[in-house]
C-alpha cells in the first residue's frame, strides 16, 4: 500500500466513462442547507461514484437507471439563476457543493462551478468549496477572495485504500499537493477527513502546513459495508476504532497548530 508522500509511481485512477451526460434546465439552484445557510449543486450525479457516498439517494429522484457514478445532469442555466437568486435572498454562506463534486470531470468542459463561484464572489457572499479534484486550481483567480474557503476531501493517506473505496476519484498525492498549492496562494484551506478510512493515521504529517482547519467524520455504512466485508476490514468499522483514531488525529493536528473538529 502506498500513501500520498510516496516516491513510487502514482496509482492510476480507474477509468469508467460516463454512460449519460444530460443537459437540463432547473427552476432554482440556491437551496437551503443544514450544513451552511445555502448550497449550490451545479450538477446532479457525480462521476467519482465513491462507494460510501450519501448522495447516492439522489438517484431515486433523477430518473436515471444507470448506476451511481455513471450519469451526470448538467444544470446549464445554474449561473444565470444564481445571479437572480442572490439579489432576492439574504446573504449567507454557500456550500459548493452538497450532493456532487463541483470539480468533477465534466466541469472542465461546462465550467458551471466557475460561473457560479464568480457570481458569489462578485456578490461578496461567503463561499465554501469542497472537492476531491485538482481542477479547483484552475479557478485560483476567484478563490483567493478573503470570503472564500476551499477544502479537499481526503479520507486516507493510503492510496491502496483509496482505490478500494474511491476508485474513480483523484489519487491522494494529487489532493495533498492541491491543498498545498491553494494554501501557498493564500486561500483559506481545510481538509475534510470524511469518512474516516483505514490509513488516515499519517494525514497529520502529510497535511501539516497545507491546511488551516481539519474536520473528521466517521463512516456511514449504508452503502459501503460490502467493501469492508469483501476486503476483511471489519475491524476498521467498529465504534472503538473511530473514537480512538479520531482522538489521535485531533491530538496530532493540534500538536502541529491545526484546529481539528470531530463530527461524531
Foldseek 3Di string as FASTA:
>chain_A
DAFLVDPDDFDDQDDDEAPEEAEDADDAAWAQDPVWRTEGEQKQAELLQFQQAPLQVSVVVPPDPDHGNRYMYGHLCHLVRLLVVVVPDDAIEYEYHDRYQNVGPCCVPRVPVVSNLVSCQVVVGQYEHEHQDLVVVVNLVRQLPPSYEYEYEDQARGQVQCCLGRSNTDGNNSSLVSLQVSVVSNGAYEYENPANDPHRLCVLVSNQPRHQEYEYEHGDPPRPVVSCVVVVNVVCNDPVNCVVSLVSVQVSNVVSVHHYHYPD
